[in-house]
Structures are given as C-alpha cells and as structure tokens.
Amino acid sequence: MIIFGTRSYLYTLAMITLVCGSCGNPAAHALKKRVTKFTLFFVPLFPIGVKYTTQCTFCGTQQKLPKEQAEQLQAQARAQAQPQQVPGQQGAAQQPYGQAQGQHPHQG
C-alpha cells in the first residue's frame, strides 16, 4: 500500500504597514507564503503550489498577491527595517562628546 498526499507550510515573510482595502485603516499587514508539497509516506518531497497573501491585523481580511508584488513588498519591508543615514551627519555621531562643539577633550 502506498500512502501519498499533500501538506501545506505557512511562512510569515514580513510585517508591512499598508492601508487596508477592506476597512480603510492604515494597519500592519502580515505578508505570508503558503507552500503546498507532495508527500509520500508522510515525507514532503517537492512543492506543487505556492501562494502569497497579505492579512490585515486590524480586520483580518486576506488578499491574494502575485509573486512579483509579494517580492516587491518584501524588498520594501527590508528597506524600511534598515536604518538610513542622513547625508552630512556621518561623522557627527562618531565623534566623542566635547569634540563636536570644538572643545579639546582635556579641557574642563
């Protein structure tokens, strides 16, 4: 007897702040990826389907996304997570206290 079937895996890729199309609130949305795999004797072998969705944390509405849009949202979330430096302020944060005002560190 051969036992086969499918199993789904759900991954949360990112949390993004978007305006919900259903409730209209600016809320966090979970970007999720569902991978369905073929199983043989309860061992997952290969993926047979991938779906991307966002879910509003305010009202719970889910929306399906194409792969390209999901990748764009994931890249946007990574860009928001990285701290951005303002040009011209690179050295100010690295100077010890007192030197930023033009004082010598040994002056009282």
Protein backbone atom coordinates (compact mmCIF):
# COMPACT_ATOMS: atom_id res chain seq x y z
CA MET A 1 0.00 0.00 0.00
CA ILE A 2 1.30 3.46 -0.97
CA ILE A 3 0.39 6.44 1.20
CA PHE A 4 0.56 9.81 -0.56
CA GLY A 5 -0.97 13.26 -0.16
CA THR A 6 -0.12 16.92 0.35
CA ARG A 7 0.97 19.12 3.21
CA SER A 8 0.96 22.91 3.45
CA TYR A 9 3.58 25.08 5.12
CA LEU A 10 2.84 28.70 6.06
CA TYR A 11 5.69 31.22 6.32
CA THR A 12 5.38 34.83 7.51
CA LEU A 13 7.78 36.79 5.30
CA ALA A 14 7.33 40.33 6.65
CA MET A 15 5.09 42.74 8.54
CA ILE A 16 4.26 45.83 6.47
CA THR A 17 2.14 48.90 7.24
CA LEU A 18 -0.42 49.38 4.46
CA VAL A 19 -3.86 50.92 4.07
CA CYS A 20 -6.36 48.07 4.12
CA GLY A 21 -8.59 47.82 1.06
CA SER A 22 -11.44 46.42 3.13
CA CYS A 23 -11.60 48.52 6.30
CA GLY A 24 -9.61 51.55 5.07
CA ASN A 25 -7.37 51.69 8.16
CA PRO A 26 -3.59 52.08 7.98
CA ALA A 27 -2.60 48.88 9.77
CA ALA A 28 0.12 46.27 9.85
CA HIS A 29 -0.29 43.51 7.28
CA ALA A 30 1.35 40.11 7.51
CA LEU A 31 2.91 39.05 4.20
CA LYS A 32 2.56 35.27 4.09
CA LYS A 33 3.71 32.49 1.76
CA ARG A 34 1.90 29.13 1.64
CA VAL A 35 3.83 26.25 0.08
CA THR A 36 1.96 23.01 -0.68
CA LYS A 37 4.21 19.95 -1.01
CA PHE A 38 3.53 16.44 -2.32
CA THR A 39 4.13 13.81 0.36
CA LEU A 40 4.92 10.13 0.05
CA PHE A 41 4.65 8.10 3.27
CA PHE A 42 4.28 11.42 5.15
CA VAL A 43 7.64 12.69 3.81
CA PRO A 44 7.38 16.02 1.93
CA LEU A 45 9.14 15.60 -1.42
CA PHE A 46 8.62 18.59 -3.72
CA PRO A 47 6.49 21.74 -3.89
CA ILE A 48 3.41 21.62 -6.09
CA GLY A 49 1.99 25.08 -5.33
CA VAL A 50 2.98 28.45 -3.86
CA LYS A 51 0.55 31.24 -2.92
CA TYR A 52 1.21 34.69 -1.45
CA THR A 53 -1.26 36.65 0.69
CA THR A 54 -1.44 39.68 2.95
CA GLN A 55 -3.62 39.73 6.06
CA CYS A 56 -4.76 42.91 7.79
CA THR A 57 -4.13 42.79 11.54
CA PHE A 58 -7.00 45.23 12.15
CA CYS A 59 -9.92 43.46 10.43
CA GLY A 60 -8.38 40.10 9.44
CA THR A 61 -9.10 40.38 5.70
CA GLN A 62 -6.80 38.33 3.45
CA GLN A 63 -5.85 39.35 -0.07
CA LYS A 64 -4.08 37.17 -2.64
CA LEU A 65 -1.00 38.60 -4.36
CA PRO A 66 1.02 37.63 -7.42
CA LYS A 67 4.60 36.53 -6.76
CA GLU A 68 6.11 39.72 -8.24
CA GLN A 69 4.09 42.01 -5.99
CA ALA A 70 4.90 39.90 -2.91
CA GLU A 71 8.63 40.16 -3.71
CA GLN A 72 8.31 43.95 -4.09
CA LEU A 73 6.56 44.25 -0.72
CA GLN A 74 9.21 42.06 0.91
CA ALA A 75 12.00 44.25 -0.53
CA GLN A 76 10.14 47.34 0.69
CA ALA A 77 9.89 45.87 4.19
CA ARG A 78 13.65 45.13 4.22
CA ALA A 79 14.40 48.71 3.13
CA GLN A 80 12.22 50.13 5.93
CA ALA A 81 13.89 47.90 8.52
CA GLN A 82 17.41 49.14 7.73
CA PRO A 83 18.37 52.44 9.40
CA GLN A 84 19.03 55.17 6.87
CA GLN A 85 21.76 57.77 7.42
CA VAL A 86 21.22 61.40 6.57
CA PRO A 87 23.97 62.73 4.24
CA GLY A 88 26.34 65.09 6.04
CA GLN A 89 25.79 63.58 9.51
CA GLN A 90 28.08 60.59 9.20
CA GLY A 91 30.94 61.93 11.32
CA ALA A 92 28.86 63.72 13.97
CA ALA A 93 27.68 60.51 15.62
CA GLN A 94 31.20 59.05 15.72
CA GLN A 95 32.90 61.97 17.50
CA PRO A 96 33.37 61.78 21.28
CA TYR A 97 31.39 64.19 23.46
CA GLY A 98 33.02 67.62 23.66
CA GLN A 99 34.78 67.42 20.32
CA ALA A 100 31.55 68.07 18.42
CA GLN A 101 31.43 71.58 19.91
CA GLY A 102 35.08 72.23 19.02
CA GLN A 103 36.37 71.69 22.56
CA HIS A 104 39.52 69.79 23.39
CA PRO A 105 38.74 66.59 25.31
CA HIS A 106 41.12 67.55 28.16
CA GLN A 107 39.62 70.98 28.78
CA GLY A 108 37.42 71.27 31.86
